[in-house]
Amino acid sequence: MSWEQLRSIVAQDRQEREFWAGQPPRACPFDGTPLEEGPDGTLACRMGDFRYPQDWDPAAMAGM
């Protein structure tokens, strides 16, 4: 594998991370269940332990 191929892989990874960082979560970060939309437009976990955007901290979630 050449250095250019490795550089291309790193660049593609960076683009994908930036894309996904800008997207709202689709599943609860604690148990993986799909988030449900509430009447006020927020996304919530079925167990009630996570609400988006109130509880969303991308930096903290990255370490999970």
PDB file of N, CA and C in Angstrom:
ATOM      1  N   MET A   1       0.855  -1.169   0.000  1.00  0.00           N
ATOM      2  CA  MET A   1       0.000   0.000   0.000  1.00  0.00           C
ATOM      3  C   MET A   1       0.903   1.234   0.000  1.00  0.00           C
ATOM      4  N   SER A   2       0.587   2.168  -0.862  1.00  0.00           N
ATOM      5  CA  SER A   2       1.423   3.364  -0.974  1.00  0.00           C
ATOM      6  C   SER A   2       0.970   4.437   0.015  1.00  0.00           C
ATOM      7  N   TRP A   3       1.818   5.457   0.182  1.00  0.00           N
ATOM      8  CA  TRP A   3       1.479   6.575   1.073  1.00  0.00           C
ATOM      9  C   TRP A   3       0.274   7.346   0.555  1.00  0.00           C
ATOM     10  N   GLU A   4       0.129   7.432  -0.763  1.00  0.00           N
ATOM     11  CA  GLU A   4      -1.029   8.129  -1.335  1.00  0.00           C
ATOM     12  C   GLU A   4      -2.327   7.394  -1.015  1.00  0.00           C
ATOM     13  N   GLN A   5      -2.285   6.071  -1.032  1.00  0.00           N
ATOM     14  CA  GLN A   5      -3.478   5.299  -0.669  1.00  0.00           C
ATOM     15  C   GLN A   5      -3.834   5.527   0.802  1.00  0.00           C
ATOM     16  N   LEU A   6      -2.839   5.535   1.657  1.00  0.00           N
ATOM     17  CA  LEU A   6      -3.081   5.791   3.076  1.00  0.00           C
ATOM     18  C   LEU A   6      -3.629   7.201   3.292  1.00  0.00           C
ATOM     19  N   ARG A   7      -3.077   8.174   2.586  1.00  0.00           N
ATOM     20  CA  ARG A   7      -3.564   9.545   2.695  1.00  0.00           C
ATOM     21  C   ARG A   7      -5.013   9.637   2.233  1.00  0.00           C
ATOM     22  N   SER A   8      -5.365   8.904   1.183  1.00  0.00           N
ATOM     23  CA  SER A   8      -6.736   8.892   0.683  1.00  0.00           C
ATOM     24  C   SER A   8      -7.699   8.290   1.710  1.00  0.00           C
ATOM     25  N   ILE A   9      -7.272   7.233   2.376  1.00  0.00           N
ATOM     26  CA  ILE A   9      -8.101   6.605   3.411  1.00  0.00           C
ATOM     27  C   ILE A   9      -8.338   7.569   4.568  1.00  0.00           C
ATOM     28  N   VAL A  10      -7.294   8.264   4.990  1.00  0.00           N
ATOM     29  CA  VAL A  10      -7.422   9.229   6.082  1.00  0.00           C
ATOM     30  C   VAL A  10      -8.339  10.380   5.684  1.00  0.00           C
ATOM     31  N   ALA A  11      -8.214  10.869   4.455  1.00  0.00           N
ATOM     32  CA  ALA A  11      -9.060  11.964   3.990  1.00  0.00           C
ATOM     33  C   ALA A  11     -10.527  11.528   3.924  1.00  0.00           C
ATOM     34  N   GLN A  12     -10.779  10.327   3.439  1.00  0.00           N
ATOM     35  CA  GLN A  12     -12.153   9.832   3.372  1.00  0.00           C
ATOM     36  C   GLN A  12     -12.729   9.664   4.769  1.00  0.00           C
ATOM     37  N   ASP A  13     -11.943   9.146   5.702  1.00  0.00           N
ATOM     38  CA  ASP A  13     -12.395   8.991   7.084  1.00  0.00           C
ATOM     39  C   ASP A  13     -12.742  10.342   7.692  1.00  0.00           C
ATOM     40  N   ARG A  14     -11.928  11.332   7.443  1.00  0.00           N
ATOM     41  CA  ARG A  14     -12.181  12.681   7.968  1.00  0.00           C
ATOM     42  C   ARG A  14     -13.495  13.238   7.428  1.00  0.00           C
ATOM     43  N   GLN A  15     -13.740  13.058   6.131  1.00  0.00           N
ATOM     44  CA  GLN A  15     -14.981  13.541   5.524  1.00  0.00           C
ATOM     45  C   GLN A  15     -16.201  12.835   6.119  1.00  0.00           C
ATOM     46  N   GLU A  16     -16.107  11.527   6.314  1.00  0.00           N
ATOM     47  CA  GLU A  16     -17.227  10.783   6.880  1.00  0.00           C
ATOM     48  C   GLU A  16     -17.496  11.194   8.327  1.00  0.00           C
ATOM     49  N   ARG A  17     -16.437  11.405   9.109  1.00  0.00           N
ATOM     50  CA  ARG A  17     -16.619  11.833  10.503  1.00  0.00           C
ATOM     51  C   ARG A  17     -17.278  13.211  10.568  1.00  0.00           C
ATOM     52  N   GLU A  18     -16.876  14.123   9.689  1.00  0.00           N
ATOM     53  CA  GLU A  18     -17.485  15.456   9.670  1.00  0.00           C
ATOM     54  C   GLU A  18     -18.961  15.365   9.280  1.00  0.00           C
ATOM     55  N   PHE A  19     -19.277  14.501   8.314  1.00  0.00           N
ATOM     56  CA  PHE A  19     -20.672  14.327   7.908  1.00  0.00           C
ATOM     57  C   PHE A  19     -21.513  13.808   9.069  1.00  0.00           C
ATOM     58  N   TRP A  20     -21.061  12.711   9.692  1.00  0.00           N
ATOM     59  CA  TRP A  20     -21.851  12.105  10.766  1.00  0.00           C
ATOM     60  C   TRP A  20     -21.910  12.972  12.011  1.00  0.00           C
ATOM     61  N   ALA A  21     -20.905  13.794  12.237  1.00  0.00           N
ATOM     62  CA  ALA A  21     -20.928  14.700  13.392  1.00  0.00           C
ATOM     63  C   ALA A  21     -22.018  15.749  13.235  1.00  0.00           C
ATOM     64  N   GLY A  22     -22.394  16.062  12.007  1.00  0.00           N
ATOM     65  CA  GLY A  22     -23.431  17.056  11.750  1.00  0.00           C
ATOM     66  C   GLY A  22     -24.838  16.483  11.713  1.00  0.00           C
ATOM     67  N   GLN A  23     -24.975  15.174  11.852  1.00  0.00           N
ATOM     68  CA  GLN A  23     -26.277  14.519  11.810  1.00  0.00           C
ATOM     69  C   GLN A  23     -26.806  14.296  13.226  1.00  0.00           C
ATOM     70  N   PRO A  24     -28.123  14.395  13.419  1.00  0.00           N
ATOM     71  CA  PRO A  24     -28.671  14.079  14.740  1.00  0.00           C
ATOM     72  C   PRO A  24     -28.555  12.578  15.009  1.00  0.00           C
ATOM     73  N   PRO A  25     -28.517  12.185  16.268  1.00  0.00           N
ATOM     74  CA  PRO A  25     -28.426  10.746  16.567  1.00  0.00           C
ATOM     75  C   PRO A  25     -29.692  10.027  16.125  1.00  0.00           C
ATOM     76  N   ARG A  26     -29.562   8.768  15.801  1.00  0.00           N
ATOM     77  CA  ARG A  26     -30.704   7.966  15.368  1.00  0.00           C
ATOM     78  C   ARG A  26     -31.078   6.911  16.391  1.00  0.00           C
ATOM     79  N   ALA A  27     -30.148   6.638  17.293  1.00  0.00           N
ATOM     80  CA  ALA A  27     -30.382   5.622  18.315  1.00  0.00           C
ATOM     81  C   ALA A  27     -29.896   6.135  19.665  1.00  0.00           C
ATOM     82  N   CYS A  28     -30.461   5.579  20.714  1.00  0.00           N
ATOM     83  CA  CYS A  28     -30.051   5.942  22.069  1.00  0.00           C
ATOM     84  C   CYS A  28     -28.582   5.535  22.262  1.00  0.00           C
ATOM     85  N   PRO A  29     -27.729   6.440  22.742  1.00  0.00           N
ATOM     86  CA  PRO A  29     -26.318   6.088  22.911  1.00  0.00           C
ATOM     87  C   PRO A  29     -26.082   5.107  24.056  1.00  0.00           C
ATOM     88  N   PHE A  30     -27.075   4.869  24.903  1.00  0.00           N
ATOM     89  CA  PHE A  30     -26.897   3.983  26.049  1.00  0.00           C
ATOM     90  C   PHE A  30     -27.336   2.552  25.768  1.00  0.00           C
ATOM     91  N   ASP A  31     -28.457   2.374  25.044  1.00  0.00           N
ATOM     92  CA  ASP A  31     -28.927   1.015  24.794  1.00  0.00           C
ATOM     93  C   ASP A  31     -29.166   0.688  23.324  1.00  0.00           C
ATOM     94  N   GLY A  32     -29.014   1.654  22.432  1.00  0.00           N
ATOM     95  CA  GLY A  32     -29.102   1.404  20.999  1.00  0.00           C
ATOM     96  C   GLY A  32     -30.504   1.340  20.424  1.00  0.00           C
ATOM     97  N   THR A  33     -31.529   1.594  21.238  1.00  0.00           N
ATOM     98  CA  THR A  33     -32.895   1.573  20.707  1.00  0.00           C
ATOM     99  C   THR A  33     -33.125   2.818  19.858  1.00  0.00           C
ATOM    100  N   PRO A  34     -33.977   2.718  18.839  1.00  0.00           N
ATOM    101  CA  PRO A  34     -34.260   3.896  18.004  1.00  0.00           C
ATOM    102  C   PRO A  34     -34.883   5.015  18.836  1.00  0.00           C
ATOM    103  N   LEU A  35     -34.504   6.239  18.534  1.00  0.00           N
ATOM    104  CA  LEU A  35     -35.095   7.386  19.216  1.00  0.00           C
ATOM    105  C   LEU A  35     -36.473   7.663  18.650  1.00  0.00           C
ATOM    106  N   GLU A  36     -37.384   8.061  19.512  1.00  0.00           N
ATOM    107  CA  GLU A  36     -38.745   8.371  19.099  1.00  0.00           C
ATOM    108  C   GLU A  36     -38.951   9.875  19.161  1.00  0.00           C
ATOM    109  N   GLU A  37     -39.681  10.404  18.189  1.00  0.00           N
ATOM    110  CA  GLU A  37     -39.932  11.842  18.147  1.00  0.00           C
ATOM    111  C   GLU A  37     -41.115  12.178  19.040  1.00  0.00           C
ATOM    112  N   GLY A  38     -40.914  13.172  19.915  1.00  0.00           N
ATOM    113  CA  GLY A  38     -41.969  13.614  20.812  1.00  0.00           C
ATOM    114  C   GLY A  38     -42.816  14.704  20.183  1.00  0.00           C
ATOM    115  N   PRO A  39     -43.892  15.112  20.864  1.00  0.00           N
ATOM    116  CA  PRO A  39     -44.782  16.134  20.318  1.00  0.00           C
ATOM    117  C   PRO A  39     -44.108  17.505  20.169  1.00  0.00           C
ATOM    118  N   ASP A  40     -43.056  17.737  20.950  1.00  0.00           N
ATOM    119  CA  ASP A  40     -42.356  19.027  20.860  1.00  0.00           C
ATOM    120  C   ASP A  40     -41.210  19.000  19.857  1.00  0.00           C
ATOM    121  N   GLY A  41     -41.053  17.893  19.118  1.00  0.00           N
ATOM    122  CA  GLY A  41     -40.018  17.797  18.090  1.00  0.00           C
ATOM    123  C   GLY A  41     -38.688  17.271  18.581  1.00  0.00           C
ATOM    124  N   THR A  42     -38.573  16.964  19.872  1.00  0.00           N
ATOM    125  CA  THR A  42     -37.331  16.403  20.386  1.00  0.00           C
ATOM    126  C   THR A  42     -37.311  14.895  20.143  1.00  0.00           C
ATOM    127  N   LEU A  43     -36.124  14.333  20.127  1.00  0.00           N
ATOM    128  CA  LEU A  43     -35.957  12.893  20.011  1.00  0.00           C
ATOM    129  C   LEU A  43     -35.646  12.349  21.396  1.00  0.00           C
ATOM    130  N   ALA A  44     -36.284  11.250  21.774  1.00  0.00           N
ATOM    131  CA  ALA A  44     -36.101  10.709  23.118  1.00  0.00           C
ATOM    132  C   ALA A  44     -35.933   9.199  23.078  1.00  0.00           C
ATOM    133  N   CYS A  45     -35.169   8.699  24.042  1.00  0.00           N
ATOM    134  CA  CYS A  45     -34.985   7.268  24.230  1.00  0.00           C
ATOM    135  C   CYS A  45     -36.235   6.722  24.923  1.00  0.00           C
ATOM    136  N   ARG A  46     -36.608   5.506  24.608  1.00  0.00           N
ATOM    137  CA  ARG A  46     -37.802   4.900  25.215  1.00  0.00           C
ATOM    138  C   ARG A  46     -37.698   4.819  26.732  1.00  0.00           C
ATOM    139  N   MET A  47     -36.501   4.591  27.236  1.00  0.00           N
ATOM    140  CA  MET A  47     -36.312   4.468  28.683  1.00  0.00           C
ATOM    141  C   MET A  47     -36.331   5.828  29.379  1.00  0.00           C
ATOM    142  N   GLY A  48     -36.251   6.902  28.609  1.00  0.00           N
ATOM    143  CA  GLY A  48     -36.319   8.239  29.182  1.00  0.00           C
ATOM    144  C   GLY A  48     -35.005   8.767  29.717  1.00  0.00           C
ATOM    145  N   ASP A  49     -33.903   8.071  29.447  1.00  0.00           N
ATOM    146  CA  ASP A  49     -32.617   8.514  29.985  1.00  0.00           C
ATOM    147  C   ASP A  49     -31.805   9.366  29.015  1.00  0.00           C
ATOM    148  N   PHE A  50     -32.370   9.683  27.852  1.00  0.00           N
ATOM    149  CA  PHE A  50     -31.662  10.508  26.878  1.00  0.00           C
ATOM    150  C   PHE A  50     -32.673  11.265  26.038  1.00  0.00           C
ATOM    151  N   ARG A  51     -32.425  12.576  25.852  1.00  0.00           N
ATOM    152  CA  ARG A  51     -33.250  13.411  24.983  1.00  0.00           C
ATOM    153  C   ARG A  51     -32.330  14.242  24.106  1.00  0.00           C
ATOM    154  N   TYR A  52     -32.690  14.332  22.831  1.00  0.00           N
ATOM    155  CA  TYR A  52     -31.915  15.158  21.897  1.00  0.00           C
ATOM    156  C   TYR A  52     -32.761  16.376  21.559  1.00  0.00           C
ATOM    157  N   PRO A  53     -32.270  17.553  21.641  1.00  0.00           N
ATOM    158  CA  PRO A  53     -30.881  17.996  21.770  1.00  0.00           C
ATOM    159  C   PRO A  53     -30.446  18.321  23.200  1.00  0.00           C
ATOM    160  N   GLN A  54     -31.316  18.208  24.208  1.00  0.00           N
ATOM    161  CA  GLN A  54     -30.955  18.609  25.565  1.00  0.00           C
ATOM    162  C   GLN A  54     -29.743  17.857  26.112  1.00  0.00           C
ATOM    163  N   ASP A  55     -29.688  16.553  25.951  1.00  0.00           N
ATOM    164  CA  ASP A  55     -28.628  15.739  26.541  1.00  0.00           C
ATOM    165  C   ASP A  55     -27.481  15.453  25.585  1.00  0.00           C
ATOM    166  N   TRP A  56     -27.495  16.048  24.410  1.00  0.00           N
ATOM    167  CA  TRP A  56     -26.502  15.728  23.378  1.00  0.00           C
ATOM    168  C   TRP A  56     -25.205  16.476  23.599  1.00  0.00           C
ATOM    169  N   ASP A  57     -24.129  15.751  23.778  1.00  0.00           N
ATOM    170  CA  ASP A  57     -22.782  16.300  23.884  1.00  0.00           C
ATOM    171  C   ASP A  57     -21.875  15.412  23.026  1.00  0.00           C
ATOM    172  N   PRO A  58     -21.638  15.824  21.760  1.00  0.00           N
ATOM    173  CA  PRO A  58     -20.857  14.956  20.858  1.00  0.00           C
ATOM    174  C   PRO A  58     -19.477  14.610  21.399  1.00  0.00           C
ATOM    175  N   ALA A  59     -18.836  15.527  22.102  1.00  0.00           N
ATOM    176  CA  ALA A  59     -17.492  15.245  22.625  1.00  0.00           C
ATOM    177  C   ALA A  59     -17.550  14.128  23.667  1.00  0.00           C
ATOM    178  N   ALA A  60     -18.545  14.167  24.515  1.00  0.00           N
ATOM    179  CA  ALA A  60     -18.669  13.123  25.542  1.00  0.00           C
ATOM    180  C   ALA A  60     -19.082  11.795  24.939  1.00  0.00           C
ATOM    181  N   MET A  61     -19.923  11.830  23.913  1.00  0.00           N
ATOM    182  CA  MET A  61     -20.397  10.608  23.287  1.00  0.00           C
ATOM    183  C   MET A  61     -19.319   9.933  22.442  1.00  0.00           C
ATOM    184  N   ALA A  62     -18.322  10.670  22.002  1.00  0.00           N
ATOM    185  CA  ALA A  62     -17.271  10.095  21.154  1.00  0.00           C
ATOM    186  C   ALA A  62     -16.473   9.033  21.900  1.00  0.00           C
ATOM    187  N   GLY A  63     -16.361   9.164  23.209  1.00  0.00           N
ATOM    188  CA  GLY A  63     -15.598   8.218  23.994  1.00  0.00           C
ATOM    189  C   GLY A  63     -16.345   6.952  24.326  1.00  0.00           C
ATOM    190  N   MET A  64     -17.612   6.869  23.975  1.00  0.00           N
ATOM    191  CA  MET A  64     -18.412   5.694  24.332  1.00  0.00           C
ATOM    192  C   MET A  64     -18.154   4.544  23.389  1.00  0.00           C
TER     193      MET A  64
END
